[in-house]
Protein backbone atom coordinates (compact mmCIF):
# COMPACT_ATOMS: atom_id res chain seq x y z
CA UNK A 1 -8.90 20.91 7.89
CA UNK A 2 -7.18 20.66 11.28
CA UNK A 3 -6.32 17.08 10.38
CA UNK A 4 -3.39 18.18 8.17
CA UNK A 5 -0.04 19.59 9.27
CA UNK A 6 -0.04 22.23 6.51
CA UNK A 7 -3.49 23.27 5.30
CA UNK A 8 -2.05 25.56 2.65
CA UNK A 9 -1.02 22.56 0.51
CA UNK A 10 -3.26 21.64 -2.42
CA UNK A 11 -5.74 18.90 -1.56
CA UNK A 12 -6.45 15.72 -3.52
CA UNK A 13 -9.84 14.22 -2.63
CA UNK A 14 -10.93 10.64 -3.30
CA UNK A 15 -14.68 10.22 -2.90
CA UNK A 16 -15.58 6.62 -2.12
CA UNK A 17 -11.96 5.90 -1.25
CA UNK A 18 -12.53 2.41 0.11
CA UNK A 19 -9.26 1.07 1.55
CA UNK A 20 -7.45 4.13 0.23
CA UNK A 21 -5.17 2.43 -2.27
CA UNK A 22 -5.52 5.25 -4.80
CA UNK A 23 -4.51 8.17 -2.57
CA UNK A 24 -2.04 6.11 -0.56
CA UNK A 25 -0.32 5.38 -3.87
CA UNK A 26 -0.46 8.99 -5.05
CA UNK A 27 0.88 10.24 -1.71
CA UNK A 28 3.84 7.91 -2.20
CA UNK A 29 4.59 9.39 -5.62
CA UNK A 30 7.15 12.09 -6.21
CA UNK A 31 7.16 14.42 -9.16
CA UNK A 32 4.57 14.68 -11.90
CA UNK A 33 3.26 11.41 -13.36
CA UNK A 34 0.96 12.68 -16.09
CA UNK A 35 1.43 15.35 -18.77
CA UNK A 36 -2.23 16.43 -18.73
CA UNK A 37 -2.49 16.79 -14.96
CA UNK A 38 0.49 18.84 -13.74
CA UNK A 39 0.31 18.07 -10.04
CA UNK A 40 3.36 17.85 -7.80
CA UNK A 41 2.06 14.88 -5.80
CA UNK A 42 4.63 15.13 -3.01
CA UNK A 43 3.41 18.68 -2.25
CA UNK A 44 -0.27 17.75 -1.71
CA UNK A 45 -2.49 16.73 1.15
CA UNK A 46 -4.84 13.80 0.57
CA UNK A 47 -8.37 13.19 1.85
CA UNK A 48 -10.25 9.94 1.38
CA UNK A 49 -14.00 9.90 2.01
CA UNK A 50 -16.01 6.73 2.50
CA UNK A 51 -19.06 5.56 4.44
CA UNK A 52 -17.45 2.30 5.53
CA UNK A 53 -15.84 2.88 8.94
CA UNK A 54 -13.68 -0.27 8.72
CA UNK A 55 -12.14 0.86 5.43
CA UNK A 56 -11.56 4.39 6.77
CA UNK A 57 -9.80 2.93 9.81
CA UNK A 58 -7.64 0.77 7.56
CA UNK A 59 -6.53 3.74 5.44
CA UNK A 60 -5.82 5.89 8.50
CA UNK A 61 -3.91 3.01 10.07
CA UNK A 62 -1.61 2.71 7.07
CA UNK A 63 -1.09 6.48 6.83
CA UNK A 64 -0.34 6.79 10.56
CA UNK A 65 2.56 4.36 10.28
CA UNK A 66 4.44 6.34 7.64
CA UNK A 67 7.71 7.57 9.13
CA UNK A 68 8.58 10.16 6.51
CA UNK A 69 7.33 13.42 4.99
CA UNK A 70 4.03 11.81 3.98
CA UNK A 71 2.95 11.68 7.63
CA UNK A 72 0.35 14.33 8.37
CA UNK A 73 -0.62 14.67 4.70
CA UNK A 74 -3.12 11.79 4.33
CA UNK A 75 -6.40 11.45 6.21
CA UNK A 76 -9.51 9.35 5.68
CA UNK A 77 -12.96 10.51 6.77
CA UNK A 78 -16.10 8.49 7.41
CA UNK A 79 -18.97 10.70 6.27
CA UNK A 80 -21.31 11.27 3.33
CA UNK A 81 -19.52 12.73 0.31
CA UNK A 82 -21.96 15.67 0.13
CA UNK A 83 -21.19 16.65 3.73
CA UNK A 84 -17.45 16.43 3.18
CA UNK A 85 -17.54 18.59 0.04
CA UNK A 86 -19.79 21.15 1.75
CA UNK A 87 -17.20 21.49 4.54
CA UNK A 88 -14.31 21.61 2.08
CA UNK A 89 -14.98 25.32 1.51
CA UNK A 90 -13.21 26.01 4.81
CA UNK A 91 -9.97 24.30 3.75
CA UNK A 92 -7.21 26.96 3.52
CA UNK A 93 -5.55 25.49 0.45
CA UNK A 94 -7.31 24.57 -2.74
CA UNK A 95 -8.71 21.25 -3.83
CA UNK A 96 -6.62 20.57 -6.89
CA UNK A 97 -8.08 17.17 -7.81
CA UNK A 98 -11.38 15.55 -6.89
CA UNK A 99 -11.71 11.90 -7.87
CA UNK A 100 -14.64 9.55 -7.93
CA UNK A 101 -13.24 6.11 -8.61
CA UNK A 102 -16.63 4.63 -9.26
CA UNK A 103 -17.88 2.73 -6.23
CA UNK A 104 -20.03 -0.38 -6.13
CA UNK A 105 -22.93 -0.18 -8.58
CA UNK A 106 -26.50 0.15 -7.42
CA UNK A 107 -29.77 -1.68 -8.03
CA UNK A 108 -32.02 0.07 -10.52
CA UNK A 109 -35.14 -0.53 -8.44
CA UNK A 110 -36.18 -2.43 -5.33
CA UNK A 111 -37.95 -5.16 -7.29
CA UNK A 112 -34.86 -6.00 -9.33
CA UNK A 113 -33.39 -9.39 -8.70
CA UNK A 114 -29.69 -9.87 -8.39
CA UNK A 115 -27.27 -8.67 -5.75
CA UNK A 116 -29.54 -7.35 -3.01
CA UNK A 117 -26.53 -6.16 -0.99
CA UNK A 118 -26.10 -3.21 -3.36
CA UNK A 119 -27.66 0.12 -2.45
CA UNK A 120 -30.72 1.39 -4.23
CA UNK A 121 -30.28 4.30 -6.65
CA UNK A 122 -31.84 6.84 -4.26
CA UNK A 123 -29.22 6.03 -1.58
CA UNK A 124 -26.31 6.01 -3.98
CA UNK A 125 -23.25 8.16 -3.27
CA UNK A 126 -23.00 9.75 -6.72
CA UNK A 127 -25.87 12.23 -6.96
CA UNK A 128 -26.64 15.43 -8.83
CA UNK A 129 -26.00 17.31 -5.55
CA UNK A 130 -22.51 15.81 -5.42
CA UNK A 131 -21.73 17.08 -8.92
CA UNK A 132 -23.18 20.51 -8.06
CA UNK A 133 -20.86 20.76 -5.06
CA UNK A 134 -17.87 19.77 -7.18
CA UNK A 135 -18.72 22.39 -9.81
CA UNK A 136 -19.20 25.11 -7.15
CA UNK A 137 -15.79 24.31 -5.65
CA UNK A 138 -14.19 24.48 -9.09
CA UNK A 139 -15.91 27.76 -9.98
CA UNK A 140 -14.75 29.50 -6.80
CA UNK A 141 -11.08 29.22 -7.66
CA UNK A 142 -9.03 30.76 -10.46
CA UNK A 143 -6.41 28.00 -10.23
CA UNK A 144 -6.69 24.91 -12.37
CA UNK A 145 -8.67 22.13 -10.77
CA UNK A 146 -9.22 18.64 -12.03
CA UNK A 147 -12.09 16.21 -11.70
CA UNK A 148 -11.65 12.53 -12.48
CA UNK A 149 -14.60 10.18 -12.73
CA UNK A 150 -13.45 6.64 -13.33
CA UNK A 151 -15.65 3.60 -13.80
């Protein structure tokens, strides 16, 4: 939470953020862009979470070069999604939107042929624990929160 200039701002979280294109784009948006999700994007902080250190560095590098009001509102973290969401309880503001823009698929079992570079299902980022943490965060707040799962 100390990573942001103003921790009272609502937080938008992108789990499996990769290079950060989603939240970098949202952080560059002013006003409300969707009738069903009334978020004032320019008034939010943004956190991207990914296990790939090179992608996290890329996102932080882009965000650090912003000369305007977006500076200090976007941060990328290299850690497991479960750990990040567990620590999110200490954020002063509220997490207004949690997104999972579906990451690389996984192999169904170790004997499966195909792309062996993909993770196995037991090491996959999207787990039942992850969804439990998201639901606990949403239940602990009386404000509207949104969850977006995109494949």
